[in-house]
Protein backbone atom coordinates (compact mmCIF):
# COMPACT_ATOMS: atom_id res chain seq x y z
CA UNK A 1 59.30 147.83 20.94
CA UNK A 2 62.57 146.19 21.68
CA UNK A 3 64.39 143.97 19.23
CA UNK A 4 63.80 140.85 21.48
CA UNK A 5 59.97 141.75 21.31
CA UNK A 6 60.07 142.27 17.81
CA UNK A 7 61.69 138.74 16.94
CA UNK A 8 59.43 137.07 19.34
CA UNK A 9 56.34 138.54 17.78
CA UNK A 10 57.61 137.47 14.37
CA UNK A 11 58.02 133.90 15.63
CA UNK A 12 54.66 133.51 16.56
CA UNK A 13 53.10 135.52 13.57
CA UNK A 14 54.96 133.68 11.01
CA UNK A 15 54.71 130.26 12.83
CA UNK A 16 58.60 130.04 12.08
CA UNK A 17 61.17 127.78 14.03
CA UNK A 18 63.76 130.81 14.10
CA UNK A 19 63.57 134.36 13.65
CA UNK A 20 66.86 136.36 13.30
CA UNK A 21 67.43 140.14 13.32
CA UNK A 22 70.80 140.46 12.12
CA UNK A 23 73.14 143.18 13.32
CA UNK A 24 72.51 145.24 9.70
CA UNK A 25 68.91 145.58 10.60
CA UNK A 26 67.43 142.73 8.23
CA UNK A 27 65.08 140.64 10.08
CA UNK A 28 64.22 137.06 8.52
CA UNK A 29 62.30 133.98 9.50
CA UNK A 30 63.37 130.37 8.88
CA UNK A 31 61.39 127.12 8.84
CA UNK A 32 63.72 124.22 9.23
CA UNK A 33 63.67 121.77 12.03
CA UNK A 34 66.23 121.61 14.95
CA UNK A 35 69.47 123.55 14.31
CA UNK A 36 69.37 123.05 10.54
CA UNK A 37 68.99 126.76 9.84
CA UNK A 38 71.54 128.11 12.23
CA UNK A 39 74.04 125.65 10.81
CA UNK A 40 73.27 126.59 7.32
CA UNK A 41 73.47 130.36 8.32
CA UNK A 42 76.91 129.98 10.06
CA UNK A 43 78.22 127.42 7.24
CA UNK A 44 77.52 130.30 4.70
CA UNK A 45 79.05 133.16 7.07
CA UNK A 46 80.59 132.54 10.54
CA UNK A 47 80.40 135.92 11.51
CA UNK A 48 76.40 136.03 10.22
CA UNK A 49 74.87 135.91 13.87
CA UNK A 50 77.51 138.22 15.51
CA UNK A 51 75.33 140.73 17.62
CA UNK A 52 72.20 139.25 16.25
CA UNK A 53 68.99 138.94 18.19
CA UNK A 54 66.95 135.83 17.88
CA UNK A 55 63.75 133.94 18.82
CA UNK A 56 63.49 130.29 18.40
CA UNK A 57 61.04 127.67 19.15
CA UNK A 58 63.48 125.40 20.99
CA UNK A 59 66.92 126.09 22.30
CA UNK A 60 69.07 123.12 24.15
CA UNK A 61 72.34 123.07 25.11
CA UNK A 62 74.02 122.52 21.45
CA UNK A 63 71.87 125.67 19.77
CA UNK A 64 72.91 127.49 22.95
CA UNK A 65 76.35 126.44 22.45
CA UNK A 66 76.47 127.45 18.95
CA UNK A 67 74.43 130.51 19.09
CA UNK A 68 76.87 131.79 22.10
CA UNK A 69 80.06 131.21 20.01
CA UNK A 70 78.48 133.01 16.99
CA UNK A 71 78.13 135.98 19.04
CA UNK A 72 74.43 136.23 19.28
CA UNK A 73 73.48 139.12 21.74
CA UNK A 74 69.94 138.11 22.86
CA UNK A 75 67.78 135.11 22.67
CA UNK A 76 64.08 134.47 23.09
CA UNK A 77 63.00 130.71 23.26
CA UNK A 78 59.49 129.38 23.36
CA UNK A 79 61.16 126.48 25.15
CA UNK A 80 64.67 126.44 26.70
CA UNK A 81 66.12 123.25 28.34
CA UNK A 82 67.83 123.52 31.56
CA UNK A 83 71.05 122.47 29.93
CA UNK A 84 71.10 125.53 27.95
CA UNK A 85 70.72 128.18 30.64
CA UNK A 86 74.00 127.62 32.09
CA UNK A 87 75.95 128.13 28.90
CA UNK A 88 73.98 131.25 28.31
CA UNK A 89 74.41 132.60 31.59
CA UNK A 90 78.40 131.75 31.76
CA UNK A 91 78.99 133.65 28.46
CA UNK A 92 76.63 136.45 29.46
CA UNK A 93 74.07 135.99 26.57
CA UNK A 94 70.88 137.76 27.54
CA UNK A 95 67.95 135.33 27.05
CA UNK A 96 64.15 135.11 27.83
CA UNK A 97 61.95 131.93 27.49
CA UNK A 98 58.29 131.12 27.79
CA UNK A 99 58.80 127.33 28.79
CA UNK A 100 61.51 125.57 30.86
CA UNK A 101 62.06 121.92 29.89
CA UNK A 102 64.34 119.22 31.67
CA UNK A 103 65.92 118.42 28.26
CA UNK A 104 65.10 118.82 24.43
CA UNK A 105 63.25 116.02 23.47
CA UNK A 106 63.91 113.57 20.36
CA UNK A 107 61.69 113.69 17.23
CA UNK A 108 59.52 110.59 18.62
CA UNK A 109 59.05 112.64 22.08
CA UNK A 110 60.17 109.42 23.76
CA UNK A 111 63.36 110.75 25.18
CA UNK A 112 66.11 112.87 25.10
CA UNK A 113 67.57 114.63 21.86
CA UNK A 114 70.64 112.44 21.02
CA UNK A 115 72.63 115.97 20.24
CA UNK A 116 71.51 117.15 23.94
CA UNK A 117 72.36 113.80 25.57
CA UNK A 118 75.65 113.66 23.47
CA UNK A 119 76.85 117.14 25.01
CA UNK A 120 74.96 117.61 28.19
CA UNK A 121 78.13 117.31 30.21
CA UNK A 122 80.56 119.18 27.64
CA UNK A 123 82.04 122.46 28.93
CA UNK A 124 83.70 123.52 25.95
CA UNK A 125 81.23 125.40 23.86
CA UNK A 126 83.62 125.77 21.29
CA UNK A 127 83.95 122.05 20.74
CA UNK A 128 80.33 121.79 20.41
CA UNK A 129 80.24 124.48 17.78
CA UNK A 130 83.13 123.05 15.94
CA UNK A 131 81.76 119.73 15.86
CA UNK A 132 78.28 120.59 14.71
CA UNK A 133 78.85 123.50 12.40
CA UNK A 134 82.03 122.13 10.18
């Protein structure tokens, strides 16, 4: 079983929102909404996700940008937005997904997530990272 298959399996088995296989071999599930878990991991240690393999319920442009700057090696997304794909491809981050969405929805499912909307045209992933993590 590949690392990506392992985190994907754990994502569904635990009903987590995020599963991280750290470079040291530790595999951990997280359960908060949106990018909260990613933010907390990186605020604790900016190098924590370097060379990690992750599975996430939803990857939009903001999460994709943050994970790219953080040095994640590979990503599986249950749902990925079309805004996230160019970020991952331009930065040579391997990814797989189950469903492609036009955009990440807001909590009410009535439109676009405010963060996806704010950064949808932003080209600088470092700017997104800095504004969201710091």
